[in-house]
Amino acid sequence: MANHNEDQGESLTGAVRPQSSMVSESALVAATGRGREEWFALLDEAGAKEWDHAQIARWLGGKHEVDAWWAQGLTVSYEQSRGLREPGQRPDGSFGASSSKTLQVDIDQLWPYLLDEDHRREWLDLELQQRSKRSSSTKSVRFDGGEGTRVAFYVDAQAPTKSGVPRCKISIEHTRLQREAVVETKEFWKVALNNLAELLTRDSSE
């Protein structure tokens, strides 16, 4: 997975969605009181084009009391809109790739497939070294992904199906990537999550 095929034609912007496409305008207004363009105009007026990521987020949270999660997302969206950051690019200049999937299993059934090495190898062709422990209240776990990269799994319970089948959502973030590895990494995780879904379906039916 780490070796990038140079003949891949898909562009980075085609592989990673801009932040603005991930959160609706109505949700942003409901959470922060303003839409993107209004926030962007205020940031421009304040001189935010010359600020780093942390300074923008602090300004949103400190001066305008924007919740930390929304401040981070709004900061990324602003940086992308002003050409200060490419989609998927992190504050340190590296890139990240993410993927997610809703699975029809109880959240407690999923965790062993993420934490146990033997179970993980059944669906994931990547050696991970666990960096954080999971307590009963933790919804995430972090790993070394090799070659200096980091991988994080986030798990959230979802409403069951109409027929009562339990569901949960797994989201994966693979960070500290080189720009040219983003497309390949996103495809890797898409395939891996499909493998996980098939494995869970098979094991649940046995």
Protein backbone atom coordinates (compact mmCIF):
# COMPACT_ATOMS: atom_id res chain seq x y z
CA MET A 1 0.00 0.00 0.00
CA ALA A 2 2.80 2.41 0.75
CA ASN A 3 4.28 2.31 -2.74
CA HIS A 4 2.39 4.68 -4.99
CA ASN A 5 1.74 3.85 -8.64
CA GLU A 6 2.91 6.85 -10.59
CA ASP A 7 0.56 6.07 -13.47
CA GLN A 8 -2.53 6.59 -11.29
CA GLY A 9 -4.39 9.42 -12.93
CA GLU A 10 -6.79 10.41 -10.19
CA SER A 11 -6.02 13.82 -8.75
CA LEU A 12 -5.78 14.57 -5.05
CA THR A 13 -8.75 16.92 -5.15
CA GLY A 14 -10.78 14.16 -6.76
CA ALA A 15 -9.82 11.76 -4.01
CA VAL A 16 -10.39 13.95 -0.97
CA ARG A 17 -13.51 16.00 -0.55
CA PRO A 18 -13.16 19.62 0.58
CA GLN A 19 -14.26 20.31 4.14
CA SER A 20 -17.14 22.45 2.87
CA SER A 21 -18.74 19.42 1.18
CA MET A 22 -18.75 17.36 4.39
CA VAL A 23 -20.91 19.70 6.51
CA SER A 24 -24.07 21.37 5.22
CA GLU A 25 -24.50 25.12 5.29
CA SER A 26 -27.66 24.78 7.38
CA ALA A 27 -25.85 22.68 9.99
CA LEU A 28 -23.04 25.24 10.19
CA VAL A 29 -25.49 28.12 10.65
CA ALA A 30 -27.40 26.20 13.31
CA ALA A 31 -24.20 25.45 15.23
CA THR A 32 -22.31 28.75 14.83
CA GLY A 33 -24.89 31.38 13.92
CA ARG A 34 -23.26 32.21 10.56
CA GLY A 35 -22.74 30.67 7.14
CA ARG A 36 -19.34 30.01 5.55
CA GLU A 37 -19.10 33.14 3.45
CA GLU A 38 -20.00 35.34 6.42
CA TRP A 39 -17.35 33.63 8.54
CA PHE A 40 -14.81 33.85 5.73
CA ALA A 41 -15.45 37.58 5.32
CA LEU A 42 -14.93 38.12 9.06
CA LEU A 43 -11.72 36.10 8.96
CA ASP A 44 -10.42 38.03 5.96
CA GLU A 45 -11.18 41.31 7.73
CA ALA A 46 -9.30 40.09 10.81
CA GLY A 47 -6.23 39.23 8.71
CA ALA A 48 -6.55 35.46 9.03
CA LYS A 49 -4.85 34.82 5.68
CA GLU A 50 -1.58 35.49 7.51
CA TRP A 51 -2.38 33.29 10.51
CA ASP A 52 -1.55 29.65 11.12
CA HIS A 53 -4.20 27.01 11.75
CA ALA A 54 -4.07 27.20 15.54
CA GLN A 55 -4.41 30.98 15.57
CA ILE A 56 -7.51 30.89 13.35
CA ALA A 57 -9.17 28.22 15.48
CA ARG A 58 -8.34 30.14 18.68
CA TRP A 59 -9.81 33.33 17.22
CA LEU A 60 -13.06 31.56 16.34
CA GLY A 61 -13.31 29.95 19.76
CA GLY A 62 -12.08 32.88 21.84
CA LYS A 63 -13.59 35.88 20.13
CA HIS A 64 -16.78 34.29 18.81
CA GLU A 65 -17.25 31.33 21.20
CA VAL A 66 -17.44 28.78 18.40
CA ASP A 67 -17.36 25.23 19.77
CA ALA A 68 -13.93 23.63 19.37
CA TRP A 69 -15.10 20.94 16.92
CA TRP A 70 -16.83 23.48 14.69
CA ALA A 71 -13.91 25.89 14.98
CA GLN A 72 -11.52 23.24 13.68
CA GLY A 73 -13.76 22.35 10.74
CA LEU A 74 -14.42 25.98 9.90
CA THR A 75 -10.69 26.72 10.05
CA VAL A 76 -9.91 23.92 7.60
CA SER A 77 -12.70 25.07 5.29
CA TYR A 78 -11.39 28.64 5.35
CA GLU A 79 -7.81 27.56 4.68
CA GLN A 80 -8.94 25.46 1.72
CA SER A 81 -11.08 28.26 0.30
CA ARG A 82 -8.18 30.72 0.43
CA GLY A 83 -5.61 28.32 -1.04
CA LEU A 84 -3.77 27.97 2.26
CA ARG A 85 -4.38 24.24 2.45
CA GLU A 86 -5.24 21.53 -0.06
CA PRO A 87 -8.10 19.11 0.67
CA GLY A 88 -6.71 16.44 2.97
CA GLN A 89 -3.67 18.50 3.96
CA ARG A 90 -2.80 18.82 7.65
CA PRO A 91 -1.38 21.84 9.49
CA ASP A 92 2.12 20.31 9.38
CA GLY A 93 2.00 20.05 5.58
CA SER A 94 1.40 16.31 5.48
CA PHE A 95 -1.79 14.76 4.16
CA GLY A 96 -4.50 12.51 5.50
CA ALA A 97 -7.00 10.08 4.05
CA SER A 98 -10.24 8.97 5.65
CA SER A 99 -12.93 6.39 5.09
CA SER A 100 -16.03 5.22 6.94
CA LYS A 101 -18.69 2.54 6.79
CA THR A 102 -21.86 1.68 8.68
CA LEU A 103 -21.89 -1.94 9.79
CA GLN A 104 -24.84 -4.06 10.87
CA VAL A 105 -23.35 -5.30 14.14
CA ASP A 106 -23.44 -4.22 17.75
CA ILE A 107 -20.58 -1.91 18.69
CA ASP A 108 -19.25 -4.45 21.21
CA GLN A 109 -19.05 -7.07 18.46
CA LEU A 110 -16.87 -4.77 16.36
CA TRP A 111 -14.14 -3.88 18.86
CA PRO A 112 -12.37 -7.29 18.89
CA TYR A 113 -11.87 -7.00 15.12
CA LEU A 114 -10.06 -3.70 15.68
CA LEU A 115 -8.02 -4.47 18.79
CA ASP A 116 -7.08 -8.13 18.49
CA GLU A 117 -4.20 -8.68 16.04
CA ASP A 118 -5.43 -12.06 14.83
CA HIS A 119 -8.94 -10.77 14.16
CA ARG A 120 -7.54 -7.65 12.52
CA ARG A 121 -5.39 -9.65 10.11
CA GLU A 122 -8.54 -11.36 8.81
CA TRP A 123 -9.65 -8.14 7.10
CA LEU A 124 -6.68 -5.76 7.14
CA ASP A 125 -3.44 -6.27 5.23
CA LEU A 126 -1.49 -3.74 7.25
CA GLU A 127 0.59 -4.20 10.41
CA LEU A 128 -0.45 -1.74 13.11
CA GLN A 129 1.17 -1.01 16.46
CA GLN A 130 -1.35 0.18 19.02
CA ARG A 131 -0.52 3.57 20.58
CA SER A 132 -3.53 4.17 22.82
CA LYS A 133 -5.58 1.95 25.09
CA ARG A 134 -9.32 1.73 24.94
CA SER A 135 -11.31 2.16 28.12
CA SER A 136 -15.01 1.35 28.45
CA SER A 137 -15.93 4.93 27.59
CA THR A 138 -13.47 5.47 24.73
CA LYS A 139 -14.79 5.52 21.18
CA SER A 140 -11.41 5.63 19.44
CA VAL A 141 -8.05 3.89 19.34
CA ARG A 142 -4.80 4.97 17.68
CA PHE A 143 -2.00 3.07 15.99
CA ASP A 144 1.35 3.51 14.27
CA GLY A 145 0.66 2.83 10.61
CA GLY A 146 4.23 2.31 9.45
CA GLU A 147 6.58 4.66 7.59
CA GLY A 148 5.88 7.39 10.14
CA THR A 149 2.13 7.43 9.53
CA ARG A 150 -0.68 7.27 12.10
CA VAL A 151 -4.00 5.44 11.94
CA ALA A 152 -7.04 6.12 14.12
CA PHE A 153 -10.26 4.11 14.37
CA TYR A 154 -13.40 5.90 15.59
CA VAL A 155 -16.52 3.90 16.44
CA ASP A 156 -20.02 5.24 17.08
CA ALA A 157 -23.26 3.42 17.78
CA GLN A 158 -26.03 4.03 15.25
CA ALA A 159 -29.78 3.59 15.42
CA PRO A 160 -30.81 0.00 14.64
CA THR A 161 -32.53 -0.88 11.39
CA LYS A 162 -36.34 -0.95 11.21
CA SER A 163 -36.17 -4.68 11.77
CA GLY A 164 -34.11 -4.17 14.93
CA VAL A 165 -30.68 -5.15 13.61
CA PRO A 166 -27.96 -3.28 15.59
CA ARG A 167 -25.67 -0.93 13.70
CA CYS A 168 -22.47 1.00 14.32
CA LYS A 169 -20.24 3.23 12.24
CA ILE A 170 -16.49 2.94 11.93
CA SER A 171 -14.46 5.89 10.67
CA ILE A 172 -10.77 5.67 9.86
CA GLU A 173 -8.22 8.47 9.58
CA HIS A 174 -4.77 7.72 8.16
CA THR A 175 -2.50 10.72 8.69
CA ARG A 176 1.10 11.88 8.11
CA LEU A 177 0.91 10.72 4.50
CA GLN A 178 2.78 12.09 1.53
CA ARG A 179 0.60 13.87 -1.00
CA GLU A 180 1.08 11.19 -3.66
CA ALA A 181 -0.10 8.42 -1.31
CA VAL A 182 -3.56 9.84 -0.59
CA VAL A 183 -5.49 8.34 -3.51
CA GLU A 184 -4.03 4.88 -3.01
CA THR A 185 -4.56 5.00 0.75
CA LYS A 186 -8.22 5.97 0.42
CA GLU A 187 -8.81 3.09 -1.96
CA PHE A 188 -6.95 0.75 0.40
CA TRP A 189 -9.23 1.60 3.32
CA LYS A 190 -12.36 1.41 1.18
CA VAL A 191 -11.46 -2.17 0.23
CA ALA A 192 -10.44 -3.01 3.82
CA LEU A 193 -13.76 -1.81 5.24
CA ASN A 194 -15.67 -3.83 2.66
CA ASN A 195 -13.64 -6.86 3.75
CA LEU A 196 -14.50 -6.12 7.38
CA ALA A 197 -18.22 -5.86 6.59
CA GLU A 198 -18.16 -9.20 4.77
CA LEU A 199 -16.23 -10.84 7.61
CA LEU A 200 -18.65 -9.58 10.25
CA THR A 201 -21.65 -10.72 8.21
CA ARG A 202 -20.17 -14.16 7.79
CA ASP A 203 -19.17 -14.54 11.44
CA SER A 204 -22.59 -13.32 12.63
CA SER A 205 -24.37 -15.92 10.51
CA GLU A 206 -22.28 -18.85 11.78
